[in-house]
């Protein structure tokens, strides 16, 4: 290893995957007690070594293992144990990375070297005892085992014969046509293994393990969303605005003699309502991140910025104060969020709020189905639903209503009652008028909406602005 350190430093300086690699495992380091730790130290990496002991294995040259842990991803790595004998050599390092799936409490790296003259069954027996001890000490952990067996026939040293719940990740040769280096993990499909060029003049190729798991923050980009906020007195201001509005002027503007342009009448009324809503509300753009916590408020973000500014300024007193305020602000935000969730369970008769509370606690999210991008789907649906009309040659004619039939006429009280029953939680229709506005301002809008409804009931024409929308 000592004659390849410059090559490793060069790779770290020029290759991104080497700089960001979390763990380096080297076998056959040929290190001894004559090589100090400072001689093999690499910048940004914590070194753990297990040199060959001549008194235990009977050999003075060769062997040895070394594990480097990137301090940018983990600062609390420790050496658990080392082992050296004529059967095998191994090193066990335990670490707790900053970013670790919540299913695991710790990560264990186990580097193993089996000499070519060793008895495979006895070596695997020793290895089985070590891993079993780790299983007893740690409840939930992720273990990555890098094993090298210097033999052209690796089948007689298969770890799955003693540990069937470990999965082998290698699927290519590492020296010539032989697979002498293998990687076992206790999680199926945890890594994608890729070959890399030889390290210096090594006869084995290098192997890189790329985690198959990608954090949610990397899988989806932050999204920008426009939201409308309603100030405290906005609804009362909107009601006053509608109360002072002369709705008859919209009808007069759309009237030409005896003819009333229903399309113009409806569109001007809905546009005016939308303009009044924009006047009393405020729209802002927010950024939604996939890993954003529900208790993260604007106050906590401001405290974070204050902490970062104090850190960059180098003022230790200001940094200490900012950190204390940030911790206090996070506790208060979490406490307020918990109180808000508990409020969903106060009324046992409100099943909607109870279900919303359960969704917030379990982080339950529905996945929207993917849209079919096949352009022929609309034609297929038309052919299916129109299959009974293919042979119909009868010309469509409008049915003449009987003389006694009267046109439906709505009253203002009926329209007002219907508007008061609108569900404000539902999204707006094609007119883009929120259900909250229809419900809260039913008294002010009932007259003009009743007039519009009666006109298109008598003319049997529905305005296009109430039928079409952009999704």
Protein backbone atom coordinates (compact mmCIF):
# COMPACT_ATOMS: atom_id res chain seq x y z
CA UNK A 1 0.00 0.00 0.00
CA UNK A 2 2.81 2.45 0.82
CA UNK A 3 3.97 2.60 -2.82
CA UNK A 4 0.43 3.35 -4.06
CA UNK A 5 -0.42 6.27 -1.77
CA UNK A 6 0.70 8.89 -4.30
CA UNK A 7 -1.50 7.26 -6.93
CA UNK A 8 -4.46 7.34 -4.52
CA UNK A 9 -3.82 11.03 -3.78
CA UNK A 10 -3.73 11.73 -7.52
CA UNK A 11 -7.06 9.97 -7.98
CA UNK A 12 -8.57 11.96 -5.11
CA UNK A 13 -7.41 15.21 -6.68
CA UNK A 14 -8.67 14.42 -10.20
CA UNK A 15 -11.58 11.99 -9.80
CA UNK A 16 -14.83 13.01 -8.15
CA UNK A 17 -15.85 9.47 -7.23
CA UNK A 18 -12.60 9.03 -5.29
CA UNK A 19 -13.09 12.32 -3.42
CA UNK A 20 -16.66 11.44 -2.44
CA UNK A 21 -16.04 7.78 -1.71
CA UNK A 22 -17.08 6.98 1.86
CA UNK A 23 -15.01 3.84 2.52
CA UNK A 24 -11.77 2.46 1.07
CA UNK A 25 -10.84 -1.18 1.79
CA UNK A 26 -7.38 -2.46 0.84
CA UNK A 27 -6.14 -6.04 1.16
CA UNK A 28 -2.54 -7.29 1.03
CA UNK A 29 -1.18 -3.98 2.25
CA UNK A 30 2.19 -5.53 3.26
CA UNK A 31 2.35 -3.10 6.17
CA UNK A 32 4.25 -3.83 9.38
CA UNK A 33 5.04 -2.13 12.68
CA UNK A 34 8.00 -0.45 10.97
CA UNK A 35 5.54 1.71 8.98
CA UNK A 36 4.00 4.38 11.26
CA UNK A 37 0.41 5.53 10.92
CA UNK A 38 1.52 8.97 9.77
CA UNK A 39 3.17 7.42 6.71
CA UNK A 40 -0.11 6.04 5.35
CA UNK A 41 -2.37 8.91 6.37
CA UNK A 42 -4.51 10.48 3.62
CA UNK A 43 -6.18 13.88 3.83
CA UNK A 44 -9.81 13.70 4.94
CA UNK A 45 -9.64 9.96 5.69
CA UNK A 46 -9.45 8.11 9.01
CA UNK A 47 -7.15 5.07 8.70
CA UNK A 48 -7.66 1.70 10.44
CA UNK A 49 -5.07 -1.00 9.84
CA UNK A 50 -4.64 -4.66 10.67
CA UNK A 51 -1.05 -5.69 9.90
CA UNK A 52 0.06 -9.29 9.57
CA UNK A 53 1.41 -10.78 12.81
CA UNK A 54 4.27 -13.16 12.09
CA UNK A 55 3.86 -14.89 15.47
CA UNK A 56 0.21 -15.76 14.75
CA UNK A 57 0.28 -16.69 11.07
CA UNK A 58 3.87 -17.90 10.68
CA UNK A 59 4.63 -15.54 7.77
CA UNK A 60 6.46 -12.24 7.78
CA UNK A 61 5.66 -10.89 4.31
CA UNK A 62 2.38 -10.17 2.55
CA UNK A 63 -1.09 -9.94 4.00
CA UNK A 64 -2.46 -7.07 6.01
CA UNK A 65 -5.61 -5.00 5.64
CA UNK A 66 -6.42 -1.30 5.82
CA UNK A 67 -9.74 0.57 5.92
CA UNK A 68 -10.12 4.30 5.29
CA UNK A 69 -13.30 6.13 6.36
CA UNK A 70 -14.14 9.50 4.80
CA UNK A 71 -14.52 12.00 7.64
CA UNK A 72 -16.95 14.09 5.56
CA UNK A 73 -19.55 11.32 5.76
CA UNK A 74 -18.69 9.89 9.20
CA UNK A 75 -16.68 11.21 12.14
CA UNK A 76 -17.39 8.54 14.77
CA UNK A 77 -15.90 5.43 13.17
CA UNK A 78 -14.12 3.00 15.52
CA UNK A 79 -12.05 -0.13 15.16
CA UNK A 80 -14.05 -3.05 16.56
CA UNK A 81 -11.61 -5.94 16.21
CA UNK A 82 -8.83 -7.48 14.14
CA UNK A 83 -7.84 -11.10 13.58
CA UNK A 84 -4.76 -12.77 12.14
CA UNK A 85 -3.99 -16.46 11.75
CA UNK A 86 -2.82 -18.91 9.13
CA UNK A 87 -6.46 -19.36 8.06
CA UNK A 88 -7.49 -15.76 7.43
CA UNK A 89 -7.04 -12.14 8.37
CA UNK A 90 -9.84 -9.64 8.88
CA UNK A 91 -10.60 -6.18 10.24
CA UNK A 92 -13.95 -4.90 11.56
CA UNK A 93 -14.77 -1.18 11.57
CA UNK A 94 -18.05 0.25 12.84
CA UNK A 95 -19.31 3.68 11.76
CA UNK A 96 -22.46 5.77 11.92
CA UNK A 97 -22.66 7.93 8.77
CA UNK A 98 -24.47 11.24 8.85
CA UNK A 99 -26.90 10.04 6.18
CA UNK A 100 -28.12 6.51 6.84
CA UNK A 101 -31.49 4.91 6.00
CA UNK A 102 -33.66 4.85 9.09
CA UNK A 103 -33.89 1.05 8.92
CA UNK A 104 -30.27 0.82 10.12
CA UNK A 105 -28.67 2.13 13.29
CA UNK A 106 -25.06 1.62 12.22
CA UNK A 107 -22.87 0.38 9.38
CA UNK A 108 -20.15 -2.24 9.75
CA UNK A 109 -17.30 -2.73 7.29
CA UNK A 110 -15.56 -6.11 7.37
CA UNK A 111 -12.44 -6.64 5.27
CA UNK A 112 -11.24 -10.25 4.92
CA UNK A 113 -8.15 -11.83 3.34
CA UNK A 114 -7.89 -15.61 2.95
CA UNK A 115 -4.45 -16.93 1.90
CA UNK A 116 -4.33 -19.45 -0.97
CA UNK A 117 -3.07 -22.26 1.28
CA UNK A 118 -5.80 -21.87 3.93
CA UNK A 119 -8.50 -24.43 4.65
CA UNK A 120 -11.70 -22.84 3.36
CA UNK A 121 -14.07 -24.59 5.78
CA UNK A 122 -12.05 -23.69 8.85
CA UNK A 123 -11.62 -20.09 7.64
CA UNK A 124 -15.35 -19.72 7.06
CA UNK A 125 -16.03 -21.20 10.49
CA UNK A 126 -13.92 -18.49 12.14
CA UNK A 127 -15.59 -15.84 10.01
CA UNK A 128 -19.03 -17.18 10.89
CA UNK A 129 -18.28 -16.87 14.61
CA UNK A 130 -17.23 -13.24 14.21
CA UNK A 131 -20.28 -12.24 12.16
CA UNK A 132 -22.61 -14.10 14.51
CA UNK A 133 -21.18 -12.13 17.41
CA UNK A 134 -21.86 -8.90 15.55
CA UNK A 135 -25.43 -10.03 14.91
CA UNK A 136 -25.93 -10.58 18.62
CA UNK A 137 -24.53 -7.16 19.58
CA UNK A 138 -26.26 -5.04 16.93
CA UNK A 139 -30.02 -5.27 16.37
CA UNK A 140 -30.29 -3.48 13.03
CA UNK A 141 -27.14 -2.75 11.06
CA UNK A 142 -25.87 -2.76 7.51
CA UNK A 143 -22.82 -4.95 6.93
CA UNK A 144 -20.60 -4.84 3.87
CA UNK A 145 -18.04 -7.64 3.70
CA UNK A 146 -15.13 -7.43 1.24
CA UNK A 147 -13.49 -10.83 0.92
CA UNK A 148 -10.43 -11.87 -1.10
CA UNK A 149 -9.46 -15.51 -1.64
CA UNK A 150 -6.31 -16.07 -3.66
CA UNK A 151 -7.37 -19.18 -5.51
CA UNK A 152 -8.58 -19.85 -9.02
CA UNK A 153 -11.44 -21.93 -7.61
CA UNK A 154 -13.54 -19.73 -5.36
CA UNK A 155 -16.51 -22.06 -5.10
CA UNK A 156 -15.11 -23.94 -2.11
CA UNK A 157 -15.00 -20.67 -0.07
CA UNK A 158 -18.58 -19.56 -0.56
CA UNK A 159 -19.79 -17.52 2.42
CA UNK A 160 -23.42 -18.41 1.78
CA UNK A 161 -22.77 -21.96 2.92
CA UNK A 162 -22.53 -20.66 6.50
CA UNK A 163 -24.49 -17.39 6.18
CA UNK A 164 -27.31 -17.97 3.69
CA UNK A 165 -28.90 -14.56 4.35
CA UNK A 166 -25.89 -12.69 2.95
CA UNK A 167 -25.96 -11.73 -0.71
CA UNK A 168 -23.05 -11.68 -3.14
CA UNK A 169 -22.82 -8.56 -5.33
CA UNK A 170 -19.95 -9.37 -7.72
CA UNK A 171 -20.76 -10.56 -11.23
CA UNK A 172 -17.48 -10.05 -13.09
CA UNK A 173 -13.87 -11.25 -12.92
CA UNK A 174 -11.33 -9.32 -10.87
CA UNK A 175 -8.08 -10.98 -12.02
CA UNK A 176 -7.91 -12.41 -15.49
CA UNK A 177 -10.91 -14.71 -15.88
CA UNK A 178 -11.28 -15.45 -12.17
CA UNK A 179 -13.46 -13.73 -9.57
CA UNK A 180 -11.13 -13.63 -6.58
CA UNK A 181 -12.61 -10.55 -4.89
CA UNK A 182 -16.22 -10.65 -3.74
CA UNK A 183 -18.55 -8.36 -1.80
CA UNK A 184 -21.26 -9.66 0.53
CA UNK A 185 -24.00 -7.57 2.16
CA UNK A 186 -26.87 -8.45 4.46
CA UNK A 187 -29.21 -6.36 2.27
CA UNK A 188 -30.19 -7.59 -1.17
CA UNK A 189 -29.51 -5.13 -3.99
CA UNK A 190 -27.83 -2.59 -1.73
CA UNK A 191 -25.08 -1.74 -4.24
CA UNK A 192 -24.29 -1.63 -7.92
CA UNK A 193 -20.76 -2.98 -8.36
CA UNK A 194 -18.64 -1.45 -11.13
CA UNK A 195 -15.08 -2.37 -12.23
CA UNK A 196 -12.36 0.26 -12.17
CA UNK A 197 -8.74 0.23 -13.44
CA UNK A 198 -5.91 -1.39 -11.50
CA UNK A 199 -4.44 0.56 -8.62
CA UNK A 200 -0.86 1.15 -9.71
CA UNK A 201 0.73 -2.16 -10.74
CA UNK A 202 -1.72 -4.33 -8.82
CA UNK A 203 -2.71 -7.59 -10.50
CA UNK A 204 -6.32 -7.19 -9.29
CA UNK A 205 -8.67 -4.57 -10.67
CA UNK A 206 -10.32 -2.07 -8.36
CA UNK A 207 -14.00 -2.37 -7.53
CA UNK A 208 -16.37 0.47 -6.63
CA UNK A 209 -19.70 -0.02 -4.86
CA UNK A 210 -22.34 2.55 -5.79
CA UNK A 211 -25.34 2.62 -3.42
CA UNK A 212 -28.54 1.66 -5.17
CA UNK A 213 -30.48 3.77 -2.69
CA UNK A 214 -30.72 7.46 -3.57
CA UNK A 215 -32.00 9.94 -1.00
CA UNK A 216 -35.38 11.44 -1.69
CA UNK A 217 -33.85 14.90 -1.92
CA UNK A 218 -31.73 13.74 -4.89
CA UNK A 219 -34.48 11.78 -6.62
CA UNK A 220 -36.79 14.78 -6.94
CA UNK A 221 -35.88 18.40 -7.48
CA UNK A 222 -37.40 21.29 -5.53
CA UNK A 223 -40.64 22.50 -7.08
CA UNK A 224 -41.97 26.05 -7.31
CA UNK A 225 -45.64 26.53 -6.43
CA UNK A 226 -47.94 29.54 -6.46
CA UNK A 227 -50.13 29.79 -3.35
CA UNK A 228 -52.81 32.30 -2.38
CA UNK A 229 -52.92 33.57 1.18
CA UNK A 230 -55.99 35.13 2.78
CA UNK A 231 -55.25 37.87 5.33
CA UNK A 232 -57.38 38.16 8.45
CA UNK A 233 -59.86 40.75 7.11
CA UNK A 234 -59.77 39.71 3.46
CA UNK A 235 -63.14 37.92 3.42
CA UNK A 236 -64.99 40.83 5.05
CA UNK A 237 -63.35 43.22 2.57
CA UNK A 238 -64.46 40.99 -0.31
CA UNK A 239 -68.02 40.92 1.01
CA UNK A 240 -68.05 44.73 1.24
CA UNK A 241 -66.74 44.95 -2.32
CA UNK A 242 -69.51 42.71 -3.67
CA UNK A 243 -72.11 44.56 -1.57
CA UNK A 244 -71.22 47.85 -3.26
CA UNK A 245 -71.09 46.38 -6.77
CA UNK A 246 -73.75 47.30 -9.32
CA UNK A 247 -74.29 43.88 -10.91
CA UNK A 248 -76.87 45.26 -13.38
CA UNK A 249 -74.19 47.02 -15.39
CA UNK A 250 -72.75 43.65 -16.51
CA UNK A 251 -76.18 42.64 -17.86
CA UNK A 252 -76.63 46.00 -19.60
CA UNK A 253 -73.19 45.80 -21.21
CA UNK A 254 -73.99 42.35 -22.63
CA UNK A 255 -77.47 43.34 -23.90
CA UNK A 256 -78.00 44.29 -27.54
CA UNK A 257 -81.63 45.18 -28.05
CA UNK A 258 -83.64 42.15 -26.98
CA UNK A 259 -80.66 39.79 -27.15
CA UNK A 260 -78.44 39.09 -24.13
CA UNK A 261 -74.97 37.77 -24.94
CA UNK A 262 -74.79 35.07 -22.27
CA UNK A 263 -71.15 34.31 -23.01
CA UNK A 264 -70.09 37.91 -22.45
CA UNK A 265 -72.36 38.32 -19.43
CA UNK A 266 -70.97 35.25 -17.65
CA UNK A 267 -67.31 35.85 -18.50
CA UNK A 268 -67.38 39.48 -17.31
CA UNK A 269 -69.02 38.55 -14.01
CA UNK A 270 -66.55 35.72 -13.29
CA UNK A 271 -63.59 37.87 -14.34
CA UNK A 272 -64.75 40.65 -12.03
CA UNK A 273 -65.07 38.23 -9.12
CA UNK A 274 -61.55 36.92 -9.83
CA UNK A 275 -60.18 40.47 -9.97
CA UNK A 276 -61.74 41.30 -6.59
CA UNK A 277 -60.23 38.12 -5.12
CA UNK A 278 -56.79 39.15 -6.37
CA UNK A 279 -57.20 42.58 -4.77
CA UNK A 280 -57.88 41.27 -1.26
CA UNK A 281 -55.47 38.32 -1.30
CA UNK A 282 -51.74 37.95 -1.80
CA UNK A 283 -50.01 35.42 -4.03
CA UNK A 284 -46.51 34.20 -3.33
CA UNK A 285 -44.15 31.61 -4.74
CA UNK A 286 -42.96 28.91 -2.37
CA UNK A 287 -40.36 26.19 -2.83
CA UNK A 288 -41.45 22.66 -1.97
CA UNK A 289 -38.70 20.13 -1.21
CA UNK A 290 -39.28 16.42 -0.99
CA UNK A 291 -37.51 16.11 2.38
CA UNK A 292 -39.02 19.22 3.94
CA UNK A 293 -40.19 18.72 7.51
CA UNK A 294 -43.74 19.79 8.39
CA UNK A 295 -42.52 21.76 11.41
CA UNK A 296 -40.06 23.83 9.34
CA UNK A 297 -41.51 27.33 9.55
CA UNK A 298 -40.35 30.74 8.36
CA UNK A 299 -39.13 31.51 11.89
CA UNK A 300 -36.90 28.42 11.93
CA UNK A 301 -35.49 29.31 8.49
CA UNK A 302 -34.66 32.79 9.73
CA UNK A 303 -32.87 31.31 12.74
CA UNK A 304 -30.92 29.01 10.42
CA UNK A 305 -29.77 31.97 8.34
CA UNK A 306 -28.75 33.82 11.50
CA UNK A 307 -26.74 30.81 12.68
CA UNK A 308 -24.98 30.51 9.31
CA UNK A 309 -24.17 34.23 9.24
CA UNK A 310 -22.68 34.03 12.74
CA UNK A 311 -20.59 31.02 11.70
CA UNK A 312 -19.20 32.81 8.64
CA UNK A 313 -18.38 35.93 10.66
CA UNK A 314 -16.20 33.94 13.06
CA UNK A 315 -17.77 35.50 16.17
CA UNK A 316 -17.88 32.65 18.69
CA UNK A 317 -20.17 34.50 21.11
CA UNK A 318 -22.69 35.30 18.37
CA UNK A 319 -22.50 31.73 17.09
CA UNK A 320 -23.17 30.32 20.55
CA UNK A 321 -26.19 32.59 20.97
CA UNK A 322 -27.51 31.79 17.49
CA UNK A 323 -27.19 28.05 18.07
CA UNK A 324 -29.07 28.29 21.35
CA UNK A 325 -31.87 30.31 19.71
CA UNK A 326 -32.04 27.83 16.84
CA UNK A 327 -32.38 24.86 19.19
CA UNK A 328 -35.08 26.68 21.15
CA UNK A 329 -36.90 27.64 17.95
CA UNK A 330 -36.84 24.06 16.63
CA UNK A 331 -38.24 22.74 19.92
CA UNK A 332 -41.03 25.31 19.86
CA UNK A 333 -41.85 24.54 16.21
CA UNK A 334 -42.00 20.80 16.90
CA UNK A 335 -44.15 21.39 19.97
CA UNK A 336 -46.55 23.57 17.98
CA UNK A 337 -46.72 20.98 15.19
CA UNK A 338 -47.44 18.20 17.70
CA UNK A 339 -50.18 20.30 19.30
CA UNK A 340 -51.69 20.90 15.88
CA UNK A 341 -51.70 17.15 15.13
CA UNK A 342 -53.23 16.36 18.54
CA UNK A 343 -56.05 18.75 17.71
CA UNK A 344 -57.18 16.40 14.94
CA UNK A 345 -58.23 13.84 17.56
CA UNK A 346 -60.16 16.15 19.90
CA UNK A 347 -63.52 15.58 18.19
CA UNK A 348 -64.23 11.87 17.78
CA UNK A 349 -67.14 12.64 15.46
CA UNK A 350 -64.99 14.42 12.86
CA UNK A 351 -63.60 11.45 10.94
CA UNK A 352 -62.02 13.65 8.29
CA UNK A 353 -59.75 15.43 10.75
CA UNK A 354 -58.93 12.16 12.49
CA UNK A 355 -57.85 10.64 9.19
CA UNK A 356 -55.78 13.74 8.41
CA UNK A 357 -54.04 13.32 11.77
CA UNK A 358 -53.29 9.67 11.05
CA UNK A 359 -51.90 10.62 7.64
CA UNK A 360 -49.62 13.23 9.23
CA UNK A 361 -48.35 10.78 11.86
CA UNK A 362 -47.71 7.90 9.43
CA UNK A 363 -46.52 10.18 6.58
CA UNK A 364 -49.05 8.51 4.30
CA UNK A 365 -49.04 9.91 0.77
CA UNK A 366 -51.05 8.74 -2.18
CA UNK A 367 -49.24 8.25 -5.47
CA UNK A 368 -50.95 9.74 -8.48
CA UNK A 369 -51.30 7.27 -11.37
CA UNK A 370 -49.13 7.87 -14.39
CA UNK A 371 -50.91 9.29 -17.42
CA UNK A 372 -51.04 7.20 -20.55
CA UNK A 373 -49.11 9.06 -23.24
CA UNK A 374 -50.50 6.93 -26.06
CA UNK A 375 -52.00 9.36 -28.60
CA UNK A 376 -54.35 6.69 -29.93
CA UNK A 377 -56.18 6.32 -26.59
CA UNK A 378 -58.83 9.03 -27.28
CA UNK A 379 -59.66 7.44 -30.64
CA UNK A 380 -59.95 4.03 -29.03
CA UNK A 381 -62.33 5.40 -26.39
CA UNK A 382 -64.44 7.12 -29.06
CA UNK A 383 -64.66 3.91 -31.08
CA UNK A 384 -65.67 1.95 -27.98
CA UNK A 385 -68.41 4.28 -26.78
CA UNK A 386 -69.71 5.05 -30.28
CA UNK A 387 -69.88 1.44 -31.44
CA UNK A 388 -73.69 1.39 -31.13
CA UNK A 389 -74.07 4.45 -33.37
CA UNK A 390 -72.03 3.13 -36.28
CA UNK A 391 -75.04 1.74 -38.16
CA UNK A 392 -77.42 4.50 -37.08
CA UNK A 393 -78.37 6.58 -40.14
CA UNK A 394 -81.24 8.50 -38.52
CA UNK A 395 -80.74 12.24 -38.60
CA UNK A 396 -80.64 13.74 -35.13
CA UNK A 397 -83.54 16.07 -34.46
CA UNK A 398 -84.35 18.19 -31.46
CA UNK A 399 -87.35 17.00 -29.52
CA UNK A 400 -90.09 19.59 -29.36
CA UNK A 401 -91.22 20.05 -25.76
CA UNK A 402 -94.92 19.71 -25.06
CA UNK A 403 -96.94 22.96 -24.79
CA UNK A 404 -97.59 22.37 -21.10
CA UNK A 405 -93.88 22.01 -20.32
CA UNK A 406 -92.48 25.01 -18.44
CA UNK A 407 -88.85 26.12 -18.35
CA UNK A 408 -87.17 25.53 -15.02
CA UNK A 409 -86.78 28.76 -13.10
CA UNK A 410 -84.58 29.17 -10.04
CA UNK A 411 -85.21 31.52 -7.17
CA UNK A 412 -82.64 33.60 -5.35
CA UNK A 413 -83.28 31.71 -2.11
CA UNK A 414 -82.57 28.37 -3.80
CA UNK A 415 -79.31 29.61 -5.31
CA UNK A 416 -78.24 31.16 -2.00
CA UNK A 417 -78.97 27.92 -0.15
CA UNK A 418 -76.96 25.92 -2.70
CA UNK A 419 -74.00 28.31 -2.49
CA UNK A 420 -73.97 28.06 1.30
CA UNK A 421 -73.58 24.28 0.99
CA UNK A 422 -70.52 24.44 -1.28
CA UNK A 423 -67.57 22.47 0.12
CA UNK A 424 -64.70 24.98 0.50
CA UNK A 425 -62.10 22.18 0.52
CA UNK A 426 -62.79 21.21 -3.07
CA UNK A 427 -60.86 22.81 -5.88
CA UNK A 428 -62.34 25.57 -8.01
CA UNK A 429 -64.29 24.75 -11.14
CA UNK A 430 -63.80 26.08 -14.69
CA UNK A 431 -64.76 29.57 -13.49
CA UNK A 432 -61.70 29.59 -11.13
CA UNK A 433 -63.83 30.90 -8.25
CA UNK A 434 -62.80 29.19 -4.97
CA UNK A 435 -65.51 27.38 -3.07
CA UNK A 436 -64.71 29.51 -0.04
CA UNK A 437 -65.74 32.67 -1.92
CA UNK A 438 -68.98 31.11 -3.17
CA UNK A 439 -69.89 30.01 0.34
CA UNK A 440 -68.87 33.08 2.33
CA UNK A 441 -70.21 35.58 -0.23
CA UNK A 442 -73.41 33.72 -1.10
CA UNK A 443 -75.61 36.61 0.05
CA UNK A 444 -73.86 39.12 -2.23
CA UNK A 445 -73.58 36.89 -5.33
CA UNK A 446 -76.95 35.14 -5.21
CA UNK A 447 -78.83 37.74 -7.31
CA UNK A 448 -76.44 37.94 -10.25
CA UNK A 449 -75.82 34.18 -10.36
CA UNK A 450 -79.56 33.49 -10.25
CA UNK A 451 -80.04 35.77 -13.26
CA UNK A 452 -77.27 33.99 -15.20
CA UNK A 453 -78.60 30.52 -14.37
CA UNK A 454 -82.16 31.40 -15.42
CA UNK A 455 -80.98 32.87 -18.74
CA UNK A 456 -79.09 29.77 -19.82
CA UNK A 457 -81.90 27.51 -18.56
CA UNK A 458 -84.39 29.36 -20.75
CA UNK A 459 -82.07 29.43 -23.77
CA UNK A 460 -80.71 25.90 -23.20
CA UNK A 461 -77.16 27.19 -23.70
CA UNK A 462 -74.33 26.78 -21.21
CA UNK A 463 -71.52 29.38 -21.49
CA UNK A 464 -68.21 27.95 -22.63
CA UNK A 465 -66.40 29.54 -19.68
CA UNK A 466 -68.36 27.20 -17.39
CA UNK A 467 -67.61 24.12 -19.50
CA UNK A 468 -63.97 24.41 -20.55
CA UNK A 469 -60.84 24.73 -18.46
CA UNK A 470 -57.09 24.26 -18.70
CA UNK A 471 -55.67 21.42 -16.61
